[in-house]
Amino acid sequence: MARKDIRTISIFCAACCTLLYKYHKRGRGGLVKCLESRIVDDRTKGDLKCPRCGQEFARFKMMGGQRAHKIIQGKVFTKGMSRK
């Protein structure tokens, strides 16, 4: 059964506008962390840096027993967040 509050968003580097990954976002809040299990399309090398400009956009963190990427605010922007 699919939940209605799950949507796929695109996450881009704020410095050079490169697509970093596509992510299944839940809930209405802002993007604070990305659980690795919900990343659909990862275009990075896994080092949490932009493949084009090299800017670090997140840090690894364990949250609730799961590996997560803690987003550094201001380093990324998203598309697909608004709900109607």
Protein backbone atom coordinates (compact mmCIF):
# COMPACT_ATOMS: atom_id res chain seq x y z
CA MET A 1 0.00 0.00 0.00
CA ALA A 2 1.50 3.33 -1.09
CA ARG A 3 1.40 6.31 1.25
CA LYS A 4 0.00 9.54 -0.16
CA ASP A 5 2.64 11.76 1.45
CA ILE A 6 5.58 10.16 -0.40
CA ARG A 7 6.87 11.97 -3.49
CA THR A 8 10.05 11.95 -5.51
CA ILE A 9 12.08 15.15 -5.32
CA SER A 10 15.22 16.17 -7.18
CA ILE A 11 18.15 17.52 -5.16
CA PHE A 12 20.60 19.88 -6.90
CA CYS A 13 23.92 21.53 -5.96
CA ALA A 14 23.31 25.20 -5.09
CA ALA A 15 26.69 26.27 -6.51
CA CYS A 16 26.56 24.75 -10.01
CA CYS A 17 22.97 23.39 -10.38
CA THR A 18 24.10 19.78 -10.95
CA LEU A 19 21.56 17.04 -10.17
CA LEU A 20 22.90 15.15 -7.15
CA TYR A 21 20.14 12.62 -6.58
CA LYS A 22 16.45 11.81 -6.64
CA TYR A 23 14.90 10.99 -3.31
CA HIS A 24 11.58 9.66 -1.96
CA LYS A 25 10.55 12.43 0.46
CA ARG A 26 7.99 11.84 3.18
CA GLY A 27 6.09 14.44 5.14
CA ARG A 28 5.64 18.15 4.73
CA GLY A 29 8.77 19.54 6.39
CA GLY A 30 11.91 20.88 4.79
CA LEU A 31 14.80 18.71 3.64
CA VAL A 32 17.03 18.05 6.66
CA LYS A 33 18.29 14.53 6.01
CA CYS A 34 18.15 11.87 3.31
CA LEU A 35 18.01 8.24 4.36
CA GLU A 36 20.17 6.11 2.06
CA SER A 37 17.37 3.54 1.69
CA ARG A 38 15.11 6.17 0.06
CA ILE A 39 17.64 7.51 -2.49
CA VAL A 40 16.35 6.42 -5.90
CA ASP A 41 18.97 7.77 -8.32
CA ASP A 42 22.38 8.69 -6.89
CA ARG A 43 24.57 10.70 -9.29
CA THR A 44 27.39 11.34 -6.80
CA LYS A 45 30.41 9.12 -6.17
CA GLY A 46 29.18 8.42 -2.65
CA ASP A 47 31.55 10.96 -1.04
CA LEU A 48 28.78 13.55 -0.42
CA LYS A 49 30.45 16.07 -2.71
CA CYS A 50 29.16 17.53 -5.95
CA PRO A 51 30.68 15.63 -8.90
CA ARG A 52 31.06 18.87 -10.92
CA CYS A 53 32.30 21.53 -8.47
CA GLY A 54 33.43 19.40 -5.50
CA GLN A 55 31.38 21.27 -2.87
CA GLU A 56 30.47 19.16 0.17
CA PHE A 57 26.66 19.21 0.53
CA ALA A 58 26.03 16.67 3.34
CA ARG A 59 27.62 14.62 6.12
CA PHE A 60 27.15 10.95 7.05
CA LYS A 61 25.16 10.32 10.21
CA MET A 62 23.42 7.35 11.80
CA MET A 63 19.77 8.14 12.56
CA GLY A 64 17.54 5.51 14.11
CA GLY A 65 19.90 2.72 13.11
CA GLN A 66 19.92 3.80 9.45
CA ARG A 67 22.63 5.52 7.43
CA ALA A 68 21.59 9.04 6.49
CA HIS A 69 22.98 12.09 4.71
CA LYS A 70 22.57 15.16 6.93
CA ILE A 71 22.10 18.03 4.49
CA ILE A 72 24.18 21.19 5.01
CA GLN A 73 21.62 23.96 4.65
CA GLY A 74 22.26 26.38 1.78
CA LYS A 75 24.37 23.89 -0.20
CA VAL A 76 21.46 22.30 -2.09
CA PHE A 77 18.11 23.24 -3.56
CA THR A 78 15.20 20.98 -4.41
CA LYS A 79 12.49 20.65 -7.03
CA GLY A 80 9.26 18.80 -6.39
CA MET A 81 8.78 19.79 -2.75
CA SER A 82 5.52 21.75 -3.04
CA ARG A 83 2.25 19.92 -2.53
CA LYS A 84 -1.18 21.02 -3.63
